[in-house]
C-alpha atoms as a PDB file:
ATOM      1  CA  LEU A   1      22.675  15.874 -13.972  1.00  0.00           C
ATOM      2  CA  ASP A   2      20.788  18.110 -11.560  1.00  0.00           C
ATOM      3  CA  LEU A   3      17.869  18.773 -13.912  1.00  0.00           C
ATOM      4  CA  ILE A   4      16.722  15.269 -14.762  1.00  0.00           C
ATOM      5  CA  HIS A   5      13.131  14.133 -14.469  1.00  0.00           C
ATOM      6  CA  VAL A   6      12.151  10.507 -14.922  1.00  0.00           C
ATOM      7  CA  ASN A   7       8.474  10.076 -15.773  1.00  0.00           C
ATOM      8  CA  VAL A   8       6.685   6.861 -14.827  1.00  0.00           C
ATOM      9  CA  ALA A   9       3.103   6.814 -16.084  1.00  0.00           C
ATOM     10  CA  SER A  10       0.140   4.581 -16.796  1.00  0.00           C
ATOM     11  CA  PRO A  11      -3.603   5.097 -17.142  1.00  0.00           C
ATOM     12  CA  ALA A  12      -3.754   4.189 -13.424  1.00  0.00           C
ATOM     13  CA  GLY A  13      -1.452   7.013 -12.252  1.00  0.00           C
ATOM     14  CA  ALA A  14       1.869   8.737 -12.728  1.00  0.00           C
ATOM     15  CA  TYR A  15       4.887  10.025 -10.853  1.00  0.00           C
ATOM     16  CA  THR A  16       7.842  12.184 -11.839  1.00  0.00           C
ATOM     17  CA  VAL A  17      11.153  11.343 -10.182  1.00  0.00           C
ATOM     18  CA  GLY A  18      13.204  14.483  -9.680  1.00  0.00           C
ATOM     19  CA  SER A  19      16.313  12.902  -8.154  1.00  0.00           C
ATOM     20  CA  ALA A  20      19.540  12.978 -10.150  1.00  0.00           C
ATOM     21  CA  SER A  21      20.817  10.192  -7.871  1.00  0.00           C
ATOM     22  CA  PHE A  22      17.941   7.951  -8.952  1.00  0.00           C
ATOM     23  CA  PHE A  23      18.901   8.528 -12.571  1.00  0.00           C
ATOM     24  CA  ARG A  24      22.640   8.071 -12.015  1.00  0.00           C
ATOM     25  CA  TYR A  25      22.543   5.041  -9.725  1.00  0.00           C
ATOM     26  CA  ILE A  26      19.352   3.246 -10.787  1.00  0.00           C
ATOM     27  CA  LEU A  27      18.578   3.979 -14.459  1.00  0.00           C
ATOM     28  CA  ARG A  28      22.234   4.257 -15.478  1.00  0.00           C
ATOM     29  CA  LEU A  29      23.567   1.516 -13.203  1.00  0.00           C
ATOM     30  CA  ARG A  30      24.968  -0.327 -16.234  1.00  0.00           C
ATOM     31  CA  GLU A  31      27.419   2.542 -16.797  1.00  0.00           C
ATOM     32  CA  LEU A  32      29.132   1.823 -13.464  1.00  0.00           C
ATOM     33  CA  GLY A  33      30.814  -1.189 -15.083  1.00  0.00           C
ATOM     34  CA  LEU A  34      30.013  -3.756 -12.400  1.00  0.00           C
ATOM     35  CA  PRO A  35      30.414  -7.481 -13.073  1.00  0.00           C
ATOM     36  CA  LEU A  36      26.829  -8.785 -13.090  1.00  0.00           C
ATOM     37  CA  SER A  37      25.094 -12.137 -13.255  1.00  0.00           C
ATOM     38  CA  LEU A  38      22.936 -12.802 -16.313  1.00  0.00           C
ATOM     39  CA  ALA A  39      19.728 -12.072 -14.346  1.00  0.00           C
ATOM     40  CA  ASP A  40      21.195  -8.834 -12.956  1.00  0.00           C
ATOM     41  CA  GLN A  41      22.366  -7.816 -16.437  1.00  0.00           C
ATOM     42  CA  GLU A  42      18.870  -8.379 -17.861  1.00  0.00           C
ATOM     43  CA  ALA A  43      17.356  -6.164 -15.153  1.00  0.00           C
ATOM     44  CA  VAL A  44      19.940  -3.434 -15.675  1.00  0.00           C
ATOM     45  CA  ASP A  45      19.354  -3.596 -19.448  1.00  0.00           C
ATOM     46  CA  VAL A  46      15.647  -2.841 -18.938  1.00  0.00           C
ATOM     47  CA  LEU A  47      16.488   0.312 -16.992  1.00  0.00           C
ATOM     48  CA  ALA A  48      19.261   1.373 -19.369  1.00  0.00           C
ATOM     49  CA  ALA A  49      16.756   1.218 -22.252  1.00  0.00           C
ATOM     50  CA  VAL A  50      14.643   4.094 -20.845  1.00  0.00           C
ATOM     51  CA  PRO A  51      14.821   6.693 -23.630  1.00  0.00           C
ATOM     52  CA  HIS A  52      15.317  10.452 -23.443  1.00  0.00           C
ATOM     53  CA  ALA A  53      11.901  11.936 -24.235  1.00  0.00           C
ATOM     54  CA  LEU A  54      13.404  14.692 -26.366  1.00  0.00           C
ATOM     55  CA  GLY A  55      16.200  12.641 -27.924  1.00  0.00           C
ATOM     56  CA  ALA A  56      16.706  12.561 -31.655  1.00  0.00           C
ATOM     57  CA  GLU A  57      14.670   9.902 -33.424  1.00  0.00           C
ATOM     58  CA  GLU A  58      17.874   8.222 -34.614  1.00  0.00           C
ATOM     59  CA  GLU A  59      19.001   7.812 -31.002  1.00  0.00           C
ATOM     60  CA  VAL A  60      15.984   5.714 -30.019  1.00  0.00           C
ATOM     61  CA  SER A  61      16.865   2.045 -30.123  1.00  0.00           C
ATOM     62  CA  PHE A  62      14.278  -0.552 -31.037  1.00  0.00           C
ATOM     63  CA  LEU A  63      14.982  -2.741 -28.036  1.00  0.00           C
ATOM     64  CA  SER A  64      12.787  -5.275 -26.324  1.00  0.00           C
ATOM     65  CA  GLY A  65      12.890  -8.134 -23.895  1.00  0.00           C
ATOM     66  CA  PRO A  66      10.565 -10.236 -21.742  1.00  0.00           C
ATOM     67  CA  GLY A  67       7.884  -7.866 -20.426  1.00  0.00           C
ATOM     68  CA  TRP A  68       9.266  -4.661 -21.971  1.00  0.00           C
ATOM     69  CA  ARG A  69       9.972  -2.786 -25.202  1.00  0.00           C
ATOM     70  CA  VAL A  70      11.026   0.660 -26.359  1.00  0.00           C
ATOM     71  CA  VAL A  71       8.228   2.353 -28.289  1.00  0.00           C
ATOM     72  CA  PRO A  72       9.360   5.163 -30.622  1.00  0.00           C
ATOM     73  CA  ALA A  73       7.440   8.427 -30.886  1.00  0.00           C
ATOM     74  CA  GLN A  74       4.292   7.990 -32.947  1.00  0.00           C
ATOM     75  CA  GLY A  75       4.099  11.605 -34.157  1.00  0.00           C
ATOM     76  CA  GLU A  76       5.394  15.140 -33.716  1.00  0.00           C
ATOM     77  CA  LEU A  77       3.663  15.642 -30.365  1.00  0.00           C
ATOM     78  CA  ASP A  78       4.726  12.261 -28.996  1.00  0.00           C
ATOM     79  CA  TRP A  79       7.963  10.986 -27.433  1.00  0.00           C
ATOM     80  CA  PRO A  80       9.651   7.593 -27.124  1.00  0.00           C
ATOM     81  CA  VAL A  81       9.020   5.529 -24.002  1.00  0.00           C
ATOM     82  CA  LEU A  82       9.997   2.282 -22.378  1.00  0.00           C
ATOM     83  CA  GLU A  83       6.767   0.298 -22.114  1.00  0.00           C
ATOM     84  CA  ALA A  84       6.831  -2.448 -19.506  1.00  0.00           C
ATOM     85  CA  THR A  85       4.593  -4.591 -17.406  1.00  0.00           C
ATOM     86  CA  PRO A  86       4.483  -3.243 -13.853  1.00  0.00           C
ATOM     87  CA  GLU A  87       5.875  -6.537 -12.605  1.00  0.00           C
ATOM     88  CA  ARG A  88       8.866  -6.457 -14.977  1.00  0.00           C
ATOM     89  CA  LEU A  89       9.725  -2.866 -14.119  1.00  0.00           C
ATOM     90  CA  ARG A  90       9.394  -3.505 -10.388  1.00  0.00           C
ATOM     91  CA  SER A  91      11.627  -6.573 -10.663  1.00  0.00           C
ATOM     92  CA  ALA A  92      14.264  -4.552 -12.555  1.00  0.00           C
ATOM     93  CA  LEU A  93      14.125  -1.729  -9.998  1.00  0.00           C
ATOM     94  CA  GLU A  94      14.405  -4.144  -7.070  1.00  0.00           C
ATOM     95  CA  ARG A  95      17.462  -5.826  -8.602  1.00  0.00           C
ATOM     96  CA  ALA A  96      19.079  -2.459  -9.338  1.00  0.00           C
ATOM     97  CA  ARG A  97      18.419  -1.375  -5.772  1.00  0.00           C
ATOM     98  CA  SER A  98      20.044  -4.539  -4.416  1.00  0.00           C
ATOM     99  CA  ILE A  99      23.063  -4.184  -6.715  1.00  0.00           C
ATOM    100  CA  LEU A 100      23.492  -0.539  -5.766  1.00  0.00           C
ATOM    101  CA  TRP A 101      23.342  -1.173  -2.021  1.00  0.00           C
ATOM    102  CA  THR A 102      25.884  -3.983  -2.369  1.00  0.00           C
ATOM    103  CA  HIS A 103      28.300  -1.557  -4.084  1.00  0.00           C
ATOM    104  CA  ALA A 104      27.266   1.786  -2.529  1.00  0.00           C
ATOM    105  CA  ALA A 105      30.490   2.264  -0.573  1.00  0.00           C
ATOM    106  CA  ARG A 106      32.585   1.610  -3.681  1.00  0.00           C
ATOM    107  CA  PHE A 107      30.853   4.473  -5.508  1.00  0.00           C
ATOM    108  CA  ARG A 108      30.647   6.700  -2.436  1.00  0.00           C
ATOM    109  CA  VAL A 109      26.886   7.003  -2.493  1.00  0.00           C
ATOM    110  CA  THR A 110      26.001   9.413   0.322  1.00  0.00           C
ATOM    111  CA  ALA A 111      23.366   8.895   3.009  1.00  0.00           C
ATOM    112  CA  ARG A 112      21.385  11.774   1.471  1.00  0.00           C
ATOM    113  CA  GLU A 113      21.477  10.061  -1.945  1.00  0.00           C
ATOM    114  CA  ILE A 114      20.406   6.738  -0.422  1.00  0.00           C
ATOM    115  CA  ALA A 115      17.453   8.395   1.343  1.00  0.00           C
ATOM    116  CA  SER A 116      16.458  10.190  -1.855  1.00  0.00           C
ATOM    117  CA  ILE A 117      16.622   7.025  -3.951  1.00  0.00           C
ATOM    118  CA  GLU A 118      14.617   5.058  -1.371  1.00  0.00           C
ATOM    119  CA  GLN A 119      11.911   7.731  -1.255  1.00  0.00           C
ATOM    120  CA  GLU A 120      11.674   7.878  -5.047  1.00  0.00           C
ATOM    121  CA  LEU A 121      11.532   4.080  -5.323  1.00  0.00           C
ATOM    122  CA  GLU A 122       8.629   3.936  -2.868  1.00  0.00           C
ATOM    123  CA  GLU A 123       6.689   6.473  -4.953  1.00  0.00           C
ATOM    124  CA  VAL A 124       7.398   4.556  -8.174  1.00  0.00           C
ATOM    125  CA  TYR A 125       6.399   1.273  -6.520  1.00  0.00           C
ATOM    126  CA  GLY A 126       3.044   2.907  -5.687  1.00  0.00           C
ATOM    127  CA  VAL A 127       2.491   3.747  -9.376  1.00  0.00           C
ATOM    128  CA  LEU A 128       3.470   0.202 -10.341  1.00  0.00           C
ATOM    129  CA  MET A 129       1.105  -1.309  -7.769  1.00  0.00           C
ATOM    130  CA  ARG A 130      -1.833   0.752  -9.119  1.00  0.00           C
ATOM    131  CA  ALA A 131      -0.944  -0.164 -12.715  1.00  0.00           C
ATOM    132  CA  ALA A 132      -0.726  -3.866 -11.847  1.00  0.00           C
ATOM    133  CA  ALA A 133      -4.105  -3.720 -10.094  1.00  0.00           C
ATOM    134  CA  ALA A 134      -5.620  -2.078 -13.182  1.00  0.00           C
ATOM    135  CA  GLY A 135      -3.921  -4.543 -15.545  1.00  0.00           C
ATOM    136  CA  VAL A 136      -2.168  -1.840 -17.588  1.00  0.00           C
ATOM    137  CA  ALA A 137       1.395  -1.277 -18.805  1.00  0.00           C
ATOM    138  CA  VAL A 138       3.684   1.478 -17.545  1.00  0.00           C
ATOM    139  CA  ASN A 139       5.575   3.973 -19.709  1.00  0.00           C
ATOM    140  CA  VAL A 140       8.918   5.446 -18.650  1.00  0.00           C
ATOM    141  CA  SER A 141      11.053   8.186 -20.185  1.00  0.00           C
ATOM    142  CA  TYR A 142      13.324  10.938 -18.926  1.00  0.00           C
ATOM    143  CA  VAL A 143      14.107  14.559 -19.718  1.00  0.00           C
ATOM    144  CA  ALA A 144      17.446  16.178 -18.974  1.00  0.00           C
END
């Protein structure tokens, strides 16, 4: 998991998250098997839907929900992405952050990992703020 990059992009700006902890504890939070409320589950589902940019076409699910959808690659030089409103993605990230901090001790999340995740979240929130101001959607994918 050390070589994972999560790309968050819009016409208003982009950022690449290089933290494996962000991927493990934020995007893949659903895999930790926590009991979640319906609202928390919906937020975690948004993040879990972020596709691998180089994944096989058959592996890309046609998922969608309020304010988000997975868009498959449109050609050979394209890759699948999660397309979301900045507000929906921010809401999902904020819920995941809250869930993680509530259960951080249980999963032995280190202080270094917490600092890394917080720093990455602040950068992503900046991209989301610019996208919201411009009225454009945000695309997210990852490469491992």
